[in-house]
C-alpha atoms as a PDB file:
ATOM      1  CA  UNK A   1      -0.223  -0.006  -0.051  1.00  0.00           C
ATOM      2  CA  UNK A   2       1.106   3.289  -1.007  1.00  0.00           C
ATOM      3  CA  UNK A   3       1.161   6.190   1.884  1.00  0.00           C
ATOM      4  CA  UNK A   4      -0.560   9.165   1.355  1.00  0.00           C
ATOM      5  CA  UNK A   5       2.632  11.385   1.147  1.00  0.00           C
ATOM      6  CA  UNK A   6       4.418   8.997  -1.179  1.00  0.00           C
ATOM      7  CA  UNK A   7       4.615  11.168  -4.569  1.00  0.00           C
ATOM      8  CA  UNK A   8       4.206   7.198  -6.568  1.00  0.00           C
ATOM      9  CA  UNK A   9       1.652   5.123  -6.823  1.00  0.00           C
ATOM     10  CA  UNK A  10       2.995   2.471  -8.909  1.00  0.00           C
ATOM     11  CA  UNK A  11      -0.362   0.098  -8.751  1.00  0.00           C
ATOM     12  CA  UNK A  12      -2.425   3.190 -10.752  1.00  0.00           C
ATOM     13  CA  UNK A  13      -3.298   2.669 -14.402  1.00  0.00           C
ATOM     14  CA  UNK A  14      -3.084   5.811 -16.791  1.00  0.00           C
ATOM     15  CA  UNK A  15      -6.030   7.215 -17.056  1.00  0.00           C
ATOM     16  CA  UNK A  16      -6.077   6.884 -20.832  1.00  0.00           C
ATOM     17  CA  UNK A  17      -4.526   7.249 -24.409  1.00  0.00           C
ATOM     18  CA  UNK A  18      -3.896  10.770 -24.327  1.00  0.00           C
ATOM     19  CA  UNK A  19      -3.907  14.623 -22.594  1.00  0.00           C
ATOM     20  CA  UNK A  20      -7.337  14.192 -21.004  1.00  0.00           C
ATOM     21  CA  UNK A  21      -8.105  18.018 -21.480  1.00  0.00           C
ATOM     22  CA  UNK A  22      -7.149  18.026 -24.743  1.00  0.00           C
ATOM     23  CA  UNK A  23      -9.320  15.263 -25.142  1.00  0.00           C
ATOM     24  CA  UNK A  24     -12.060  16.772 -23.428  1.00  0.00           C
ATOM     25  CA  UNK A  25     -11.701  20.494 -25.654  1.00  0.00           C
ATOM     26  CA  UNK A  26     -10.748  18.662 -28.688  1.00  0.00           C
ATOM     27  CA  UNK A  27      -7.033  20.115 -28.051  1.00  0.00           C
ATOM     28  CA  UNK A  28      -4.026  18.752 -29.512  1.00  0.00           C
ATOM     29  CA  UNK A  29      -0.586  17.468 -28.091  1.00  0.00           C
ATOM     30  CA  UNK A  30       3.168  17.612 -28.589  1.00  0.00           C
ATOM     31  CA  UNK A  31       4.019  14.569 -25.929  1.00  0.00           C
ATOM     32  CA  UNK A  32       2.314  13.049 -22.995  1.00  0.00           C
ATOM     33  CA  UNK A  33       3.201  12.657 -19.594  1.00  0.00           C
ATOM     34  CA  UNK A  34       1.377  10.695 -16.799  1.00  0.00           C
ATOM     35  CA  UNK A  35       1.059  11.645 -13.270  1.00  0.00           C
ATOM     36  CA  UNK A  36       3.135   9.131 -10.925  1.00  0.00           C
ATOM     37  CA  UNK A  37       0.705   9.284  -8.227  1.00  0.00           C
ATOM     38  CA  UNK A  38      -2.573   9.195  -9.813  1.00  0.00           C
ATOM     39  CA  UNK A  39      -2.623   8.437 -13.661  1.00  0.00           C
ATOM     40  CA  UNK A  40      -3.572  11.620 -14.572  1.00  0.00           C
ATOM     41  CA  UNK A  41      -2.830  11.607 -18.623  1.00  0.00           C
ATOM     42  CA  UNK A  42      -1.600  15.254 -19.704  1.00  0.00           C
ATOM     43  CA  UNK A  43       0.282  17.079 -22.445  1.00  0.00           C
ATOM     44  CA  UNK A  44       4.234  18.742 -22.407  1.00  0.00           C
ATOM     45  CA  UNK A  45       5.350  21.696 -22.057  1.00  0.00           C
ATOM     46  CA  UNK A  46       5.865  21.971 -25.299  1.00  0.00           C
ATOM     47  CA  UNK A  47       2.311  21.145 -25.477  1.00  0.00           C
ATOM     48  CA  UNK A  48      -0.242  24.444 -26.096  1.00  0.00           C
ATOM     49  CA  UNK A  49      -2.025  23.220 -23.191  1.00  0.00           C
ATOM     50  CA  UNK A  50       0.806  22.402 -21.046  1.00  0.00           C
ATOM     51  CA  UNK A  51      -2.106  19.830 -18.572  1.00  0.00           C
ATOM     52  CA  UNK A  52       0.729  18.004 -17.356  1.00  0.00           C
ATOM     53  CA  UNK A  53       2.445  20.495 -15.546  1.00  0.00           C
ATOM     54  CA  UNK A  54      -1.008  22.293 -14.577  1.00  0.00           C
ATOM     55  CA  UNK A  55      -1.931  19.070 -13.305  1.00  0.00           C
ATOM     56  CA  UNK A  56       1.238  18.972 -10.885  1.00  0.00           C
ATOM     57  CA  UNK A  57       0.827  22.541  -9.493  1.00  0.00           C
ATOM     58  CA  UNK A  58      -2.642  22.255  -8.827  1.00  0.00           C
ATOM     59  CA  UNK A  59      -2.722  18.471  -6.990  1.00  0.00           C
ATOM     60  CA  UNK A  60       0.392  18.770  -5.748  1.00  0.00           C
ATOM     61  CA  UNK A  61       1.437  15.322  -7.496  1.00  0.00           C
ATOM     62  CA  UNK A  62       4.807  16.845  -8.311  1.00  0.00           C
ATOM     63  CA  UNK A  63       6.290  13.456 -10.151  1.00  0.00           C
ATOM     64  CA  UNK A  64       5.663  12.408 -13.369  1.00  0.00           C
ATOM     65  CA  UNK A  65       6.615   9.589 -16.246  1.00  0.00           C
ATOM     66  CA  UNK A  66       7.009  10.184 -19.792  1.00  0.00           C
ATOM     67  CA  UNK A  67       4.236   8.645 -21.414  1.00  0.00           C
ATOM     68  CA  UNK A  68       5.946   8.192 -25.094  1.00  0.00           C
ATOM     69  CA  UNK A  69       6.539   4.659 -26.754  1.00  0.00           C
ATOM     70  CA  UNK A  70       9.917   3.229 -25.919  1.00  0.00           C
ATOM     71  CA  UNK A  71      10.858   6.030 -23.138  1.00  0.00           C
ATOM     72  CA  UNK A  72      10.345   5.232 -19.243  1.00  0.00           C
ATOM     73  CA  UNK A  73      12.041   8.557 -17.494  1.00  0.00           C
ATOM     74  CA  UNK A  74      10.317  10.051 -14.439  1.00  0.00           C
ATOM     75  CA  UNK A  75      10.891  14.156 -13.877  1.00  0.00           C
ATOM     76  CA  UNK A  76       9.932  16.105 -10.801  1.00  0.00           C
ATOM     77  CA  UNK A  77       8.596  19.573 -11.075  1.00  0.00           C
ATOM     78  CA  UNK A  78       9.487  21.006  -7.727  1.00  0.00           C
ATOM     79  CA  UNK A  79      13.543  20.240  -7.986  1.00  0.00           C
ATOM     80  CA  UNK A  80      13.271  20.299 -12.042  1.00  0.00           C
ATOM     81  CA  UNK A  81      15.368  16.925 -12.521  1.00  0.00           C
ATOM     82  CA  UNK A  82      14.868  13.689 -13.676  1.00  0.00           C
ATOM     83  CA  UNK A  83      14.170  11.401 -10.836  1.00  0.00           C
ATOM     84  CA  UNK A  84      14.421   7.671 -10.440  1.00  0.00           C
ATOM     85  CA  UNK A  85      10.808   5.837 -10.613  1.00  0.00           C
ATOM     86  CA  UNK A  86      10.305   2.078 -10.283  1.00  0.00           C
ATOM     87  CA  UNK A  87       7.915   0.421 -13.086  1.00  0.00           C
ATOM     88  CA  UNK A  88       4.552   1.813 -13.592  1.00  0.00           C
ATOM     89  CA  UNK A  89       0.848  -0.319 -13.841  1.00  0.00           C
ATOM     90  CA  UNK A  90       0.820  -0.820 -17.072  1.00  0.00           C
ATOM     91  CA  UNK A  91       0.252   0.367 -20.193  1.00  0.00           C
ATOM     92  CA  UNK A  92       3.557   2.433 -19.907  1.00  0.00           C
ATOM     93  CA  UNK A  93       2.729   4.392 -23.395  1.00  0.00           C
ATOM     94  CA  UNK A  94       0.095   5.643 -25.057  1.00  0.00           C
ATOM     95  CA  UNK A  95      -1.253   3.375 -28.333  1.00  0.00           C
ATOM     96  CA  UNK A  96       1.458   2.592 -30.639  1.00  0.00           C
ATOM     97  CA  UNK A  97      -1.033   3.765 -33.868  1.00  0.00           C
ATOM     98  CA  UNK A  98      -1.531   7.484 -32.017  1.00  0.00           C
ATOM     99  CA  UNK A  99       0.915   9.591 -33.893  1.00  0.00           C
ATOM    100  CA  UNK A 100       2.955  12.246 -32.282  1.00  0.00           C
ATOM    101  CA  UNK A 101       2.182  15.014 -31.929  1.00  0.00           C
ATOM    102  CA  UNK A 102      -1.014  13.616 -31.571  1.00  0.00           C
ATOM    103  CA  UNK A 103      -3.732  12.509 -31.515  1.00  0.00           C
ATOM    104  CA  UNK A 104      -4.739  12.236 -35.280  1.00  0.00           C
ATOM    105  CA  UNK A 105      -6.972  14.544 -36.832  1.00  0.00           C
ATOM    106  CA  UNK A 106      -6.523  17.624 -34.564  1.00  0.00           C
ATOM    107  CA  UNK A 107      -3.038  18.827 -34.779  1.00  0.00           C
ATOM    108  CA  UNK A 108      -2.754  21.918 -37.391  1.00  0.00           C
ATOM    109  CA  UNK A 109      -0.296  21.668 -40.178  1.00  0.00           C
ATOM    110  CA  UNK A 110       1.905  24.513 -38.483  1.00  0.00           C
ATOM    111  CA  UNK A 111       1.518  22.841 -35.106  1.00  0.00           C
ATOM    112  CA  UNK A 112       4.955  24.097 -34.997  1.00  0.00           C
ATOM    113  CA  UNK A 113       3.886  27.180 -34.890  1.00  0.00           C
ATOM    114  CA  UNK A 114       2.449  26.488 -31.945  1.00  0.00           C
ATOM    115  CA  UNK A 115       4.721  24.877 -29.455  1.00  0.00           C
ATOM    116  CA  UNK A 116       6.535  26.664 -26.578  1.00  0.00           C
END
């Protein structure tokens, strides 16, 4: 069992295949980050919405793991440095068929002009 103040709960699965907020409002993302505490999937700080870091600030959950295929690193928004974390519950990344940036059909042709 995870302690209430532990920044990581390895048993919690991700919230879904894409950024929760972007999916709700029809937005798009560059890369995805997964909250290591509650599983919330949000978009990275290069994305227009920057929902992963907003979730970290609002929830007090400081650690995220990349949700990109072939990557497994963690990031701590408080220390602004990489973090050594355990394997989290599957799936480890967004669906393989989902493009980056994504999702398909919502990324503008000039997407590079909209990144941070």
